[in-house]
Amino acid sequence: MALEIKAIPTLRGKEAERFVKEADKAYRNKGKTDFTKQVKIARAILKKAKML
């Protein structure tokens, strides 16, 4: 049994402008993740396994 191919909805007008505005805002406000703690743990494991 074949499945029907559905059209992909497209934003237009004010909705499209709002979407782009919100996406840009989210991109500018993205934070950086601090992996310092995870790096310390990984190094301790590698040191214990005599791989570092």
N, C-alpha and C. Protein backbone atom coordinates (compact mmCIF):
# COMPACT_ATOMS: atom_id res chain seq x y z
N MET A 1 0.85 -1.17 0.00
CA MET A 1 0.00 0.00 0.00
C MET A 1 0.90 1.24 0.00
N ALA A 2 0.65 2.14 -0.90
CA ALA A 2 1.45 3.36 -1.02
C ALA A 2 0.87 4.46 -0.13
N LEU A 3 1.77 5.27 0.39
CA LEU A 3 1.34 6.40 1.20
C LEU A 3 1.29 7.67 0.35
N GLU A 4 0.32 8.48 0.63
CA GLU A 4 0.17 9.74 -0.10
C GLU A 4 1.31 10.70 0.29
N ILE A 5 1.89 11.37 -0.69
CA ILE A 5 2.91 12.37 -0.43
C ILE A 5 2.20 13.68 -0.12
N LYS A 6 2.45 14.21 1.07
CA LYS A 6 1.77 15.43 1.49
C LYS A 6 2.66 16.64 1.22
N ALA A 7 2.03 17.74 0.93
CA ALA A 7 2.76 18.98 0.68
C ALA A 7 3.35 19.51 1.98
N ILE A 8 4.51 20.12 1.89
CA ILE A 8 5.15 20.73 3.05
C ILE A 8 4.56 22.12 3.25
N PRO A 9 4.04 22.41 4.45
CA PRO A 9 3.45 23.73 4.66
C PRO A 9 4.52 24.82 4.59
N THR A 10 4.15 25.96 4.01
CA THR A 10 5.07 27.06 3.84
C THR A 10 4.53 28.29 4.57
N LEU A 11 5.39 28.92 5.35
CA LEU A 11 4.99 30.14 6.04
C LEU A 11 5.07 31.31 5.07
N ARG A 12 4.10 32.20 5.17
CA ARG A 12 4.08 33.37 4.30
C ARG A 12 3.65 34.58 5.10
N GLY A 13 4.05 35.73 4.63
CA GLY A 13 3.58 36.98 5.22
C GLY A 13 4.11 37.20 6.62
N LYS A 14 3.20 37.64 7.49
CA LYS A 14 3.57 37.99 8.86
C LYS A 14 4.09 36.79 9.64
N GLU A 15 3.52 35.62 9.38
CA GLU A 15 3.98 34.42 10.08
C GLU A 15 5.43 34.11 9.75
N ALA A 16 5.80 34.26 8.48
CA ALA A 16 7.17 34.00 8.05
C ALA A 16 8.13 35.02 8.67
N GLU A 17 7.73 36.27 8.67
CA GLU A 17 8.56 37.32 9.26
C GLU A 17 8.76 37.08 10.75
N ARG A 18 7.70 36.71 11.45
CA ARG A 18 7.78 36.44 12.88
C ARG A 18 8.69 35.25 13.15
N PHE A 19 8.57 34.20 12.32
CA PHE A 19 9.41 33.01 12.49
C PHE A 19 10.89 33.36 12.33
N VAL A 20 11.22 34.10 11.30
CA VAL A 20 12.61 34.48 11.05
C VAL A 20 13.13 35.36 12.18
N LYS A 21 12.30 36.28 12.65
CA LYS A 21 12.69 37.18 13.74
C LYS A 21 12.99 36.38 15.01
N GLU A 22 12.12 35.44 15.36
CA GLU A 22 12.32 34.61 16.55
C GLU A 22 13.52 33.68 16.40
N ALA A 23 13.74 33.15 15.19
CA ALA A 23 14.90 32.28 14.96
C ALA A 23 16.20 33.06 15.11
N ASP A 24 16.24 34.28 14.58
CA ASP A 24 17.43 35.12 14.72
C ASP A 24 17.68 35.47 16.18
N LYS A 25 16.62 35.76 16.91
CA LYS A 25 16.73 36.11 18.33
C LYS A 25 17.29 34.91 19.11
N ALA A 26 16.79 33.73 18.85
CA ALA A 26 17.25 32.52 19.53
C ALA A 26 18.72 32.24 19.18
N TYR A 27 19.10 32.47 17.94
CA TYR A 27 20.48 32.23 17.51
C TYR A 27 21.43 33.18 18.22
N ARG A 28 21.04 34.45 18.33
CA ARG A 28 21.91 35.44 18.98
C ARG A 28 22.04 35.18 20.47
N ASN A 29 21.02 34.62 21.09
CA ASN A 29 21.00 34.43 22.54
C ASN A 29 21.46 33.04 22.98
N LYS A 30 21.98 32.24 22.05
CA LYS A 30 22.40 30.91 22.45
C LYS A 30 23.59 31.00 23.40
N GLY A 31 23.58 30.18 24.38
CA GLY A 31 24.64 30.20 25.38
C GLY A 31 25.73 29.20 25.06
N LYS A 32 26.82 29.35 25.75
CA LYS A 32 27.92 28.41 25.59
C LYS A 32 27.83 27.39 26.72
N THR A 33 28.17 26.15 26.41
CA THR A 33 28.14 25.09 27.39
C THR A 33 29.53 24.92 27.98
N ASP A 34 29.59 24.84 29.30
CA ASP A 34 30.86 24.67 29.99
C ASP A 34 31.08 23.19 30.28
N PHE A 35 32.10 22.61 29.65
CA PHE A 35 32.40 21.20 29.82
C PHE A 35 33.59 20.97 30.74
N THR A 36 33.96 21.96 31.53
CA THR A 36 35.13 21.86 32.41
C THR A 36 35.04 20.65 33.33
N LYS A 37 33.89 20.47 33.96
CA LYS A 37 33.71 19.38 34.90
C LYS A 37 33.84 18.02 34.19
N GLN A 38 33.23 17.89 33.03
CA GLN A 38 33.29 16.64 32.28
C GLN A 38 34.71 16.34 31.81
N VAL A 39 35.47 17.37 31.45
CA VAL A 39 36.85 17.18 31.01
C VAL A 39 37.70 16.67 32.17
N LYS A 40 37.50 17.24 33.36
CA LYS A 40 38.24 16.77 34.54
C LYS A 40 37.96 15.30 34.81
N ILE A 41 36.70 14.91 34.74
CA ILE A 41 36.31 13.52 34.98
C ILE A 41 36.95 12.60 33.93
N ALA A 42 36.88 13.01 32.66
CA ALA A 42 37.45 12.19 31.59
C ALA A 42 38.96 12.04 31.75
N ARG A 43 39.63 13.12 32.12
CA ARG A 43 41.09 13.03 32.32
C ARG A 43 41.45 12.13 33.49
N ALA A 44 40.64 12.18 34.55
CA ALA A 44 40.88 11.31 35.70
C ALA A 44 40.72 9.84 35.30
N ILE A 45 39.72 9.55 34.50
CA ILE A 45 39.51 8.18 34.03
C ILE A 45 40.68 7.73 33.18
N LEU A 46 41.09 8.59 32.23
CA LEU A 46 42.21 8.22 31.36
C LEU A 46 43.51 8.06 32.14
N LYS A 47 43.71 8.90 33.13
CA LYS A 47 44.92 8.79 33.97
C LYS A 47 44.93 7.48 34.74
N LYS A 48 43.77 7.13 35.30
CA LYS A 48 43.65 5.89 36.06
C LYS A 48 43.89 4.67 35.15
N ALA A 49 43.47 4.78 33.89
CA ALA A 49 43.67 3.69 32.94
C ALA A 49 45.05 3.74 32.30
N LYS A 50 45.86 4.70 32.76
CA LYS A 50 47.23 4.89 32.24
C LYS A 50 47.24 5.12 30.74
N MET A 51 46.27 5.89 30.28
CA MET A 51 46.17 6.23 28.87
C MET A 51 46.49 7.70 28.62
N LEU A 52 46.82 8.41 29.70
CA LEU A 52 47.12 9.84 29.57
C LEU A 52 48.47 10.14 30.14
